[in-house]
Protein backbone atom coordinates (compact mmCIF):
# COMPACT_ATOMS: atom_id res chain seq x y z
CA MET A 1 -25.86 -11.33 0.95
CA SER A 2 -29.07 -11.98 -0.91
CA GLU A 3 -29.32 -14.60 -3.64
CA ALA A 4 -29.67 -11.83 -6.24
CA GLU A 5 -26.46 -10.16 -4.99
CA ILE A 6 -24.59 -13.47 -5.03
CA ARG A 7 -25.87 -14.20 -8.56
CA LYS A 8 -24.77 -10.72 -9.74
CA GLU A 9 -21.36 -11.23 -8.10
CA GLN A 10 -20.96 -14.61 -9.82
CA GLU A 11 -21.70 -12.95 -13.17
CA VAL A 12 -18.93 -10.41 -12.54
CA ILE A 13 -16.55 -13.23 -11.57
CA GLU A 14 -17.33 -15.18 -14.73
CA ARG A 15 -16.75 -12.02 -16.82
CA SER A 16 -13.49 -11.44 -14.94
CA LYS A 17 -12.27 -14.93 -15.78
CA LYS A 18 -12.50 -14.00 -19.48
CA ASP A 19 -11.65 -10.31 -19.16
CA PRO A 20 -9.35 -9.26 -16.28
CA GLN A 21 -10.56 -5.64 -16.69
CA ALA A 22 -13.93 -6.71 -15.25
CA PHE A 23 -12.12 -7.67 -12.00
CA GLY A 24 -11.91 -3.93 -11.21
CA GLU A 25 -15.53 -4.06 -10.11
CA ILE A 26 -14.72 -6.73 -7.53
CA TYR A 27 -11.62 -4.82 -6.44
CA GLU A 28 -13.62 -1.61 -5.91
CA HIS A 29 -16.35 -3.44 -4.02
CA TYR A 30 -14.08 -5.29 -1.57
CA PHE A 31 -10.91 -3.23 -1.28
CA ASP A 32 -11.83 -1.28 1.88
CA ARG A 33 -13.02 -4.35 3.77
CA ILE A 34 -9.97 -6.43 2.89
CA PHE A 35 -7.60 -3.53 3.62
CA ASN A 36 -9.16 -2.96 7.07
CA TYR A 37 -9.07 -6.68 7.84
CA ILE A 38 -5.34 -6.76 7.06
CA TYR A 39 -4.66 -3.44 8.79
CA ARG A 40 -6.13 -4.74 12.06
CA GLN A 41 -3.64 -7.62 11.89
CA THR A 42 -0.60 -5.50 11.06
CA ASP A 43 -1.24 -2.04 12.52
CA ASP A 44 0.88 -0.73 9.65
CA GLU A 45 -0.85 1.18 6.86
CA GLU A 46 1.90 0.73 4.28
CA LEU A 47 2.26 -2.98 4.99
CA ALA A 48 -1.52 -3.42 4.92
CA GLY A 49 -1.61 -1.70 1.52
CA ASP A 50 1.11 -4.00 0.17
CA LEU A 51 -0.53 -7.15 1.51
CA CYS A 52 -3.93 -6.01 0.27
CA SER A 53 -2.53 -5.43 -3.21
CA GLN A 54 -0.91 -8.86 -3.14
CA THR A 55 -4.25 -10.37 -2.06
CA PHE A 56 -6.02 -8.96 -5.12
CA VAL A 57 -3.16 -9.90 -7.46
CA ASN A 58 -3.31 -13.48 -6.15
CA ALA A 59 -7.09 -13.52 -6.47
CA LEU A 60 -6.92 -12.33 -10.08
CA ASN A 61 -4.10 -14.75 -10.95
CA HIS A 62 -6.01 -17.71 -9.48
CA LEU A 63 -9.51 -16.65 -10.45
CA HIS A 64 -9.72 -19.57 -12.88
CA LYS A 65 -9.52 -21.91 -9.85
CA TYR A 66 -12.33 -20.18 -7.96
CA GLU A 67 -15.50 -22.21 -7.55
CA PHE A 68 -18.66 -20.99 -5.88
CA ARG A 69 -19.22 -23.00 -2.68
CA GLY A 70 -22.20 -21.23 -1.21
CA PHE A 71 -20.21 -18.30 0.22
CA PRO A 72 -19.85 -14.75 -1.03
CA PHE A 73 -16.66 -14.18 -3.05
CA SER A 74 -15.41 -12.11 -0.12
CA ALA A 75 -14.80 -15.33 1.87
CA TRP A 76 -12.25 -16.38 -0.74
CA LEU A 77 -10.63 -12.92 -0.55
CA TYR A 78 -10.48 -13.03 3.27
CA LYS A 79 -8.86 -16.46 3.06
CA ILE A 80 -6.22 -15.18 0.63
CA ALA A 81 -5.68 -12.06 2.77
CA GLY A 82 -5.23 -14.17 5.90
CA ASN A 83 -2.70 -16.34 4.08
CA GLU A 84 -0.78 -13.24 2.95
CA VAL A 85 -0.67 -11.90 6.53
CA ASN A 86 0.46 -15.28 7.87
CA LYS A 87 3.12 -15.56 5.16
CA HIS A 88 4.40 -12.07 6.08
CA TYR A 89 4.69 -12.97 9.77
CA ARG A 90 6.39 -16.29 9.01
CA LYS A 91 8.98 -14.51 6.84
CA SER A 92 9.58 -11.62 9.23
CA LYS A 93 9.33 -13.82 12.34
CA GLY A 94 7.41 -10.95 13.90
CA LYS A 95 4.59 -11.23 16.42
CA LYS A 96 1.15 -10.82 14.93
CA VAL A 97 -0.72 -7.78 16.21
CA PHE A 98 -4.39 -7.03 16.52
CA SER A 99 -5.31 -3.38 16.22
CA ILE A 100 -8.84 -2.49 17.08
CA GLU A 101 -10.73 0.74 17.46
CA GLU A 102 -12.33 1.67 20.77
CA LEU A 103 -15.73 1.86 19.10
CA LYS A 104 -15.52 -1.77 17.98
CA VAL A 105 -14.73 -2.95 21.50
CA LYS A 106 -17.76 -1.08 22.81
CA GLU A 107 -19.87 -2.84 20.16
CA LEU A 108 -18.56 -6.23 21.28
CA VAL A 109 -19.12 -5.63 24.98
CA GLU A 110 -22.54 -5.01 26.44
CA GLN A 111 -21.73 -2.88 29.45
CA ALA A 112 -24.64 -1.71 31.56
CA SER A 113 -22.71 0.13 34.23
CA ASP A 114 -21.36 3.66 34.14
CA GLU A 115 -17.87 2.30 34.93
CA TRP A 116 -17.23 1.86 31.22
CA ASP A 117 -14.51 4.35 30.33
CA GLU A 118 -11.49 4.70 28.10
CA GLU A 119 -9.26 2.94 30.63
CA MET A 120 -11.55 -0.10 30.64
CA VAL A 121 -11.61 -0.16 26.82
CA ASN A 122 -7.80 -0.05 26.74
CA LYS A 123 -7.62 -2.92 29.24
CA VAL A 124 -9.92 -5.02 27.05
CA ILE A 125 -7.88 -4.18 23.93
CA ASN A 126 -4.61 -5.05 25.69
CA TYR A 127 -6.09 -8.31 26.96
CA MET A 128 -7.37 -9.20 23.49
CA ASN A 129 -3.86 -8.69 22.14
CA GLU A 130 -2.68 -11.37 24.57
CA LEU A 131 -5.22 -13.94 23.35
CA PRO A 132 -3.95 -16.69 21.06
CA THR A 133 -4.04 -15.80 17.36
CA ASP A 134 -6.72 -18.38 16.60
CA MET A 135 -9.08 -16.75 19.11
CA ILE A 136 -8.36 -13.26 17.82
CA GLN A 137 -9.05 -14.39 14.27
CA VAL A 138 -12.49 -15.79 15.08
CA LEU A 139 -13.45 -12.72 17.14
CA GLU A 140 -12.34 -10.44 14.33
CA LEU A 141 -14.20 -12.35 11.64
CA ARG A 142 -17.33 -12.90 13.74
CA PHE A 143 -17.79 -9.51 15.34
CA PHE A 144 -15.84 -7.02 13.25
CA GLU A 145 -16.36 -8.57 9.81
CA ASP A 146 -19.86 -9.98 10.57
CA LYS A 147 -19.09 -13.43 9.18
CA ASP A 148 -21.18 -16.47 10.10
CA PHE A 149 -19.55 -19.61 11.49
CA LYS A 150 -19.73 -21.48 8.19
CA GLU A 151 -17.87 -18.67 6.42
CA ILE A 152 -15.32 -18.38 9.26
CA ALA A 153 -14.67 -22.11 8.99
CA PHE A 154 -14.02 -21.75 5.25
CA ILE A 155 -11.74 -18.73 5.68
CA LEU A 156 -9.66 -20.33 8.44
CA ASP A 157 -9.72 -23.91 7.07
CA ILE A 158 -11.37 -25.31 10.19
CA THR A 159 -14.68 -27.02 10.85
CA GLU A 160 -17.80 -25.02 11.60
CA SER A 161 -17.91 -26.53 15.09
CA GLY A 162 -14.25 -25.54 15.52
CA ALA A 163 -15.13 -21.94 14.62
CA LYS A 164 -17.95 -21.96 17.17
CA MET A 165 -15.76 -23.50 19.87
CA ARG A 166 -12.96 -20.95 19.36
CA THR A 167 -15.48 -18.12 19.51
CA TYR A 168 -17.12 -19.44 22.70
CA ARG A 169 -13.74 -19.92 24.36
CA ALA A 170 -12.55 -16.42 23.43
CA LEU A 171 -15.79 -14.83 24.66
CA ASP A 172 -15.62 -16.88 27.83
CA LYS A 173 -12.08 -15.63 28.49
CA LEU A 174 -13.27 -12.03 28.09
CA ARG A 175 -16.30 -12.64 30.33
CA THR A 176 -14.26 -14.34 33.02
CA HIS A 177 -11.35 -11.90 33.01
CA PHE A 178 -13.44 -8.73 33.03
CA HIS A 179 -16.69 -9.95 34.59
CA ILE A 180 -18.54 -8.38 31.69
CA LYS A 181 -21.37 -9.44 29.44
CA VAL A 182 -20.16 -10.03 25.90
CA LYS A 183 -22.48 -10.06 22.91
CA TYR A 184 -23.04 -13.43 21.36
CA ASN A 185 -24.31 -13.50 17.80
CA GLY A 186 -24.98 -17.24 17.76
């Protein structure tokens, strides 16, 4: 995000603190991204819609506590969304899922050979679902949400070096298991 975009966003946030109607602009701007982020973690459209709605309600209710810390407002929304998903899984005692489209896996993996087919994509997706949640979270935020390590650290309440380490370890597991070259956006 450019400085001008961040400044404009901060103006909308300040207006929203005084007039909740102005929050609609933020909602419209970020809804699809937050919904998709939640959907990939639930693989349930209705549940994702409910958790997404709760994310925006919480954001609006706590907007007075929001302080700009050098990140786009979306980082705060992703953090709230992640907390809502975690709260859901704690309550339901269900196993967290990671739903990812074939196209996104192909973007993550640089595959030079012609052996790359749907079966290979499915194997990678199934393997990714077996990775620990903390590794899946960093891969999702880094490669599918295009977040930098500093923003990932904020969203997940970890250090920036912790975000990097989790990402490296997850990519290394994919490389080792599949003998493939994985993109690194370091």
